[in-house]
Amino acid sequence: MTAIWFDPVVEQLDEKARRRFWSKVSPPDANGCRFWTGSLSTGGYGQFWLGPRWPVGQFYPAHRMMLLIATEGAPAPDMLACHRCPARRRDCVWHVRWGTVRENRRDRLRDGTYGWKLTPEQVCEIVAHLCERKLSRKEIAARYGVHRSRIGHIAQGRAWGILFEDRPDA
C-alpha cells in the first residue's frame, strides 16, 4: 500500500465544504463522466473556493480537490493532479490521477494543452534554425510570433525540453 502524504487542505474539507464541492459537479453522463459546473480559472480549469469568505481563503484546482477528497491526501507533497484526457472540466476519479511534474508535462504535450503559441513541430523547426546559426534569435522569434526570450528558453532547454528528453545525445 502506498503511503499518503496528508495535504493540509484536507483539514479544511469538512462535510459542508464537501457537499458544496460535489454540488458543483454534474451528474454522470451516458459514459459515466462528470463535469465541473462551478467557476473556471483563466486557463479553463475548474476552481473551488476553500476557506472563509473573501478575501480570506483561496481557489484550488477542482481536479486536485476531487483527488484529495477521493484519496484523503496525495502520495507526496510534490505530486500533481494530472488529467488522463484533454477535457479540462472532466473531474472524474478515473480521468484524473496523481503524477509527477514530468508526467504532467508529457500529458500536456500529448493533449495539446501545453499553453504556448508554438506547436511541437514549430519548436523542432526553431531548434533546427538555432543549430544552423543563419538567423538570430530575434529573427527566429519574429518569424514565429513569439518574444526572443522564448527562443532563448528553447535554446537552453528551459522551455519545451520535454520534446528532447528521450534523445540519446540529450
C-alpha atoms as a PDB file:
ATOM      1  CA  MET A   1       0.000   0.000   0.000  1.00  0.00           C
ATOM      2  CA  THR A   2       1.313   3.453  -0.930  1.00  0.00           C
ATOM      3  CA  ALA A   3       1.840   5.907   1.908  1.00  0.00           C
ATOM      4  CA  ILE A   4      -0.286   9.031   1.652  1.00  0.00           C
ATOM      5  CA  TRP A   5       1.086  12.495   2.404  1.00  0.00           C
ATOM      6  CA  PHE A   6      -1.569  14.360   4.321  1.00  0.00           C
ATOM      7  CA  ASP A   7      -2.322  17.581   2.468  1.00  0.00           C
ATOM      8  CA  PRO A   8      -3.269  20.347   4.947  1.00  0.00           C
ATOM      9  CA  VAL A   9      -6.095  21.345   2.595  1.00  0.00           C
ATOM     10  CA  VAL A  10      -7.901  18.129   3.597  1.00  0.00           C
ATOM     11  CA  GLU A  11      -8.305  19.552   7.124  1.00  0.00           C
ATOM     12  CA  GLN A  12     -10.469  22.340   5.678  1.00  0.00           C
ATOM     13  CA  LEU A  13     -12.713  19.880   3.850  1.00  0.00           C
ATOM     14  CA  ASP A  14     -15.444  19.472   6.417  1.00  0.00           C
ATOM     15  CA  GLU A  15     -18.775  17.909   5.457  1.00  0.00           C
ATOM     16  CA  LYS A  16     -20.235  21.281   4.434  1.00  0.00           C
ATOM     17  CA  ALA A  17     -17.276  22.007   2.089  1.00  0.00           C
ATOM     18  CA  ARG A  18     -17.509  18.514   0.569  1.00  0.00           C
ATOM     19  CA  ARG A  19     -21.244  18.917  -0.097  1.00  0.00           C
ATOM     20  CA  ARG A  20     -20.576  22.328  -1.663  1.00  0.00           C
ATOM     21  CA  PHE A  21     -17.813  20.821  -3.819  1.00  0.00           C
ATOM     22  CA  TRP A  22     -19.991  17.964  -5.109  1.00  0.00           C
ATOM     23  CA  SER A  23     -22.873  20.377  -5.788  1.00  0.00           C
ATOM     24  CA  LYS A  24     -20.635  21.896  -8.488  1.00  0.00           C
ATOM     25  CA  VAL A  25     -20.072  18.562 -10.251  1.00  0.00           C
ATOM     26  CA  SER A  26     -22.611  17.383 -12.847  1.00  0.00           C
ATOM     27  CA  PRO A  27     -24.441  14.061 -12.565  1.00  0.00           C
ATOM     28  CA  PRO A  28     -22.773  11.282 -14.580  1.00  0.00           C
ATOM     29  CA  ASP A  29     -23.421  11.430 -18.327  1.00  0.00           C
ATOM     30  CA  ALA A  30     -24.076   8.349 -20.530  1.00  0.00           C
ATOM     31  CA  ASN A  31     -20.368   7.415 -20.281  1.00  0.00           C
ATOM     32  CA  GLY A  32     -20.263   7.886 -16.522  1.00  0.00           C
ATOM     33  CA  CYS A  33     -18.237  11.102 -16.808  1.00  0.00           C
ATOM     34  CA  ARG A  34     -18.886  14.056 -14.534  1.00  0.00           C
ATOM     35  CA  PHE A  35     -18.008  17.644 -15.374  1.00  0.00           C
ATOM     36  CA  TRP A  36     -17.196  20.669 -13.257  1.00  0.00           C
ATOM     37  CA  THR A  37     -20.050  23.199 -13.340  1.00  0.00           C
ATOM     38  CA  GLY A  38     -18.540  25.743 -10.951  1.00  0.00           C
ATOM     39  CA  SER A  39     -16.225  28.643 -11.715  1.00  0.00           C
ATOM     40  CA  LEU A  40     -13.285  28.316 -14.088  1.00  0.00           C
ATOM     41  CA  SER A  41      -9.775  29.709 -13.950  1.00  0.00           C
ATOM     42  CA  THR A  42      -8.477  31.852 -16.806  1.00  0.00           C
ATOM     43  CA  GLY A  43      -6.871  28.667 -18.168  1.00  0.00           C
ATOM     44  CA  GLY A  44     -10.251  26.925 -18.363  1.00  0.00           C
ATOM     45  CA  TYR A  45      -9.770  24.587 -15.407  1.00  0.00           C
ATOM     46  CA  GLY A  46     -12.367  24.165 -12.675  1.00  0.00           C
ATOM     47  CA  GLN A  47     -11.598  26.010  -9.448  1.00  0.00           C
ATOM     48  CA  PHE A  48     -13.063  25.652  -5.971  1.00  0.00           C
ATOM     49  CA  TRP A  49     -13.016  28.327  -3.265  1.00  0.00           C
ATOM     50  CA  LEU A  50     -11.962  26.937   0.095  1.00  0.00           C
ATOM     51  CA  GLY A  51     -11.757  28.898   3.302  1.00  0.00           C
ATOM     52  CA  PRO A  52     -13.711  31.710   4.881  1.00  0.00           C
ATOM     53  CA  ARG A  53     -15.401  34.364   2.821  1.00  0.00           C
ATOM     54  CA  TRP A  54     -13.418  36.724   0.581  1.00  0.00           C
ATOM     55  CA  PRO A  55     -10.668  37.954   0.959  1.00  0.00           C
ATOM     56  CA  VAL A  56      -9.518  35.119   3.227  1.00  0.00           C
ATOM     57  CA  GLY A  57      -9.194  31.679   1.656  1.00  0.00           C
ATOM     58  CA  GLN A  58      -8.228  30.766  -1.876  1.00  0.00           C
ATOM     59  CA  PHE A  59      -9.181  28.966  -5.064  1.00  0.00           C
ATOM     60  CA  TYR A  60      -7.917  25.411  -5.526  1.00  0.00           C
ATOM     61  CA  PRO A  61      -7.925  23.444  -8.790  1.00  0.00           C
ATOM     62  CA  ALA A  62     -11.128  21.367  -8.829  1.00  0.00           C
ATOM     63  CA  HIS A  63      -9.367  18.277 -10.205  1.00  0.00           C
ATOM     64  CA  ARG A  64      -6.849  18.364  -7.331  1.00  0.00           C
ATOM     65  CA  MET A  65      -9.643  18.840  -4.791  1.00  0.00           C
ATOM     66  CA  MET A  66     -11.500  15.873  -6.258  1.00  0.00           C
ATOM     67  CA  LEU A  67      -8.441  13.638  -5.880  1.00  0.00           C
ATOM     68  CA  LEU A  68      -7.789  14.903  -2.344  1.00  0.00           C
ATOM     69  CA  ILE A  69     -11.365  14.078  -1.391  1.00  0.00           C
ATOM     70  CA  ALA A  70     -11.160  10.640  -3.027  1.00  0.00           C
ATOM     71  CA  THR A  71      -7.776   9.691  -1.554  1.00  0.00           C
ATOM     72  CA  GLU A  72      -7.681  11.843   1.638  1.00  0.00           C
ATOM     73  CA  GLY A  73      -4.243  13.113   0.612  1.00  0.00           C
ATOM     74  CA  ALA A  74      -1.528  12.912  -2.026  1.00  0.00           C
ATOM     75  CA  PRO A  75       1.208  10.272  -2.373  1.00  0.00           C
ATOM     76  CA  ALA A  76       3.825  13.037  -1.863  1.00  0.00           C
ATOM     77  CA  PRO A  77       3.747  16.825  -1.409  1.00  0.00           C
ATOM     78  CA  ASP A  78       5.123  17.469  -4.900  1.00  0.00           C
ATOM     79  CA  MET A  79       2.596  15.291  -6.722  1.00  0.00           C
ATOM     80  CA  LEU A  80       0.196  16.952  -9.178  1.00  0.00           C
ATOM     81  CA  ALA A  81      -3.355  16.031 -10.127  1.00  0.00           C
ATOM     82  CA  CYS A  82      -2.904  15.082 -13.794  1.00  0.00           C
ATOM     83  CA  HIS A  83      -5.658  14.683 -16.372  1.00  0.00           C
ATOM     84  CA  ARG A  84      -5.829  11.390 -18.252  1.00  0.00           C
ATOM     85  CA  CYS A  85      -7.711  13.133 -21.068  1.00  0.00           C
ATOM     86  CA  PRO A  86      -7.654  16.658 -22.544  1.00  0.00           C
ATOM     87  CA  ALA A  87     -11.081  17.716 -21.198  1.00  0.00           C
ATOM     88  CA  ARG A  88     -10.121  20.272 -18.544  1.00  0.00           C
ATOM     89  CA  ARG A  89     -13.566  20.294 -16.962  1.00  0.00           C
ATOM     90  CA  ARG A  90     -13.746  16.495 -16.661  1.00  0.00           C
ATOM     91  CA  ASP A  91     -13.273  15.724 -13.000  1.00  0.00           C
ATOM     92  CA  CYS A  92     -13.959  12.022 -12.640  1.00  0.00           C
ATOM     93  CA  VAL A  93     -11.734   9.969 -10.370  1.00  0.00           C
ATOM     94  CA  TRP A  94     -10.902   7.775 -13.377  1.00  0.00           C
ATOM     95  CA  HIS A  95      -9.961  10.792 -15.537  1.00  0.00           C
ATOM     96  CA  VAL A  96      -7.543  12.330 -13.008  1.00  0.00           C
ATOM     97  CA  ARG A  97      -4.539  10.701 -11.342  1.00  0.00           C
ATOM     98  CA  TRP A  98      -1.584  11.661  -9.177  1.00  0.00           C
ATOM     99  CA  GLY A  99       1.585  12.250 -11.184  1.00  0.00           C
ATOM    100  CA  THR A 100       4.944  13.972 -11.244  1.00  0.00           C
ATOM    101  CA  VAL A 101       5.754  17.283 -12.937  1.00  0.00           C
ATOM    102  CA  ARG A 102       7.416  15.343 -15.779  1.00  0.00           C
ATOM    103  CA  GLU A 103       4.361  13.114 -16.258  1.00  0.00           C
ATOM    104  CA  ASN A 104       2.103  16.173 -16.289  1.00  0.00           C
ATOM    105  CA  ARG A 105       4.289  17.853 -18.941  1.00  0.00           C
ATOM    106  CA  ARG A 106       4.116  14.735 -21.101  1.00  0.00           C
ATOM    107  CA  ASP A 107       0.319  14.620 -20.692  1.00  0.00           C
ATOM    108  CA  ARG A 108       0.029  18.295 -21.657  1.00  0.00           C
ATOM    109  CA  LEU A 109       2.226  17.750 -24.700  1.00  0.00           C
ATOM    110  CA  ARG A 110       0.150  14.700 -25.729  1.00  0.00           C
ATOM    111  CA  ASP A 111      -3.147  16.561 -25.252  1.00  0.00           C
ATOM    112  CA  GLY A 112      -2.045  19.821 -26.881  1.00  0.00           C
ATOM    113  CA  THR A 113      -2.683  21.790 -23.684  1.00  0.00           C
ATOM    114  CA  TYR A 114       0.905  22.952 -23.189  1.00  0.00           C
ATOM    115  CA  GLY A 115      -0.283  26.553 -23.077  1.00  0.00           C
ATOM    116  CA  TRP A 116       2.085  28.215 -25.528  1.00  0.00           C
ATOM    117  CA  LYS A 117       1.610  29.597 -29.022  1.00  0.00           C
ATOM    118  CA  LEU A 118       4.086  27.138 -30.520  1.00  0.00           C
ATOM    119  CA  THR A 119       3.421  23.581 -31.627  1.00  0.00           C
ATOM    120  CA  PRO A 120       5.951  20.777 -31.103  1.00  0.00           C
ATOM    121  CA  GLU A 121       6.664  20.864 -34.860  1.00  0.00           C
ATOM    122  CA  GLN A 122       7.439  24.598 -34.716  1.00  0.00           C
ATOM    123  CA  VAL A 123       9.757  24.046 -31.752  1.00  0.00           C
ATOM    124  CA  CYS A 124      11.672  21.422 -33.746  1.00  0.00           C
ATOM    125  CA  GLU A 125      11.953  23.918 -36.633  1.00  0.00           C
ATOM    126  CA  ILE A 126      13.245  26.561 -34.196  1.00  0.00           C
ATOM    127  CA  VAL A 127      15.854  24.149 -32.849  1.00  0.00           C
ATOM    128  CA  ALA A 128      16.930  23.449 -36.438  1.00  0.00           C
ATOM    129  CA  HIS A 129      17.269  27.215 -37.073  1.00  0.00           C
ATOM    130  CA  LEU A 130      19.299  27.573 -33.887  1.00  0.00           C
ATOM    131  CA  CYS A 131      21.622  24.748 -34.971  1.00  0.00           C
ATOM    132  CA  GLU A 132      22.085  26.244 -38.455  1.00  0.00           C
ATOM    133  CA  ARG A 133      23.058  29.625 -36.921  1.00  0.00           C
ATOM    134  CA  LYS A 134      21.856  31.505 -40.029  1.00  0.00           C
ATOM    135  CA  LEU A 135      19.187  33.548 -38.213  1.00  0.00           C
ATOM    136  CA  SER A 136      19.456  35.489 -34.987  1.00  0.00           C
ATOM    137  CA  ARG A 137      17.169  34.643 -32.068  1.00  0.00           C
ATOM    138  CA  LYS A 138      15.363  37.919 -32.701  1.00  0.00           C
ATOM    139  CA  GLU A 139      14.733  36.953 -36.350  1.00  0.00           C
ATOM    140  CA  ILE A 140      13.526  33.479 -35.361  1.00  0.00           C
ATOM    141  CA  ALA A 141      11.210  34.998 -32.753  1.00  0.00           C
ATOM    142  CA  ALA A 142       9.735  37.394 -35.311  1.00  0.00           C
ATOM    143  CA  ARG A 143       9.157  34.534 -37.754  1.00  0.00           C
ATOM    144  CA  TYR A 144       7.164  32.551 -35.153  1.00  0.00           C
ATOM    145  CA  GLY A 145       5.417  35.456 -33.445  1.00  0.00           C
ATOM    146  CA  VAL A 146       6.986  34.992 -30.013  1.00  0.00           C
ATOM    147  CA  HIS A 147       9.353  37.045 -27.871  1.00  0.00           C
ATOM    148  CA  ARG A 148      13.066  36.398 -28.347  1.00  0.00           C
ATOM    149  CA  SER A 149      13.321  35.302 -24.700  1.00  0.00           C
ATOM    150  CA  ARG A 150      11.110  32.310 -25.610  1.00  0.00           C
ATOM    151  CA  ILE A 151      13.674  31.346 -28.263  1.00  0.00           C
ATOM    152  CA  GLY A 152      16.399  31.660 -25.629  1.00  0.00           C
ATOM    153  CA  HIS A 153      14.436  29.382 -23.284  1.00  0.00           C
ATOM    154  CA  ILE A 154      14.093  26.806 -26.062  1.00  0.00           C
ATOM    155  CA  ALA A 155      17.822  27.045 -26.831  1.00  0.00           C
ATOM    156  CA  GLN A 156      18.668  26.473 -23.160  1.00  0.00           C
ATOM    157  CA  GLY A 157      16.192  23.605 -22.777  1.00  0.00           C
ATOM    158  CA  ARG A 158      14.163  25.569 -20.207  1.00  0.00           C
ATOM    159  CA  ALA A 159      11.100  25.579 -22.476  1.00  0.00           C
ATOM    160  CA  TRP A 160       9.910  22.552 -24.401  1.00  0.00           C
ATOM    161  CA  GLY A 161      12.814  20.456 -23.102  1.00  0.00           C
ATOM    162  CA  ILE A 162      10.334  17.614 -22.706  1.00  0.00           C
ATOM    163  CA  LEU A 163      10.479  17.155 -26.511  1.00  0.00           C
ATOM    164  CA  PHE A 164      14.138  16.246 -26.385  1.00  0.00           C
ATOM    165  CA  GLU A 165      14.438  14.257 -23.135  1.00  0.00           C
ATOM    166  CA  ASP A 166      14.492  10.821 -24.745  1.00  0.00           C
ATOM    167  CA  ARG A 167      17.185  11.605 -27.315  1.00  0.00           C
ATOM    168  CA  PRO A 168      20.358   9.527 -26.820  1.00  0.00           C
ATOM    169  CA  ASP A 169      22.538  12.672 -27.109  1.00  0.00           C
ATOM    170  CA  ALA A 170      20.413  14.714 -24.654  1.00  0.00           C
END
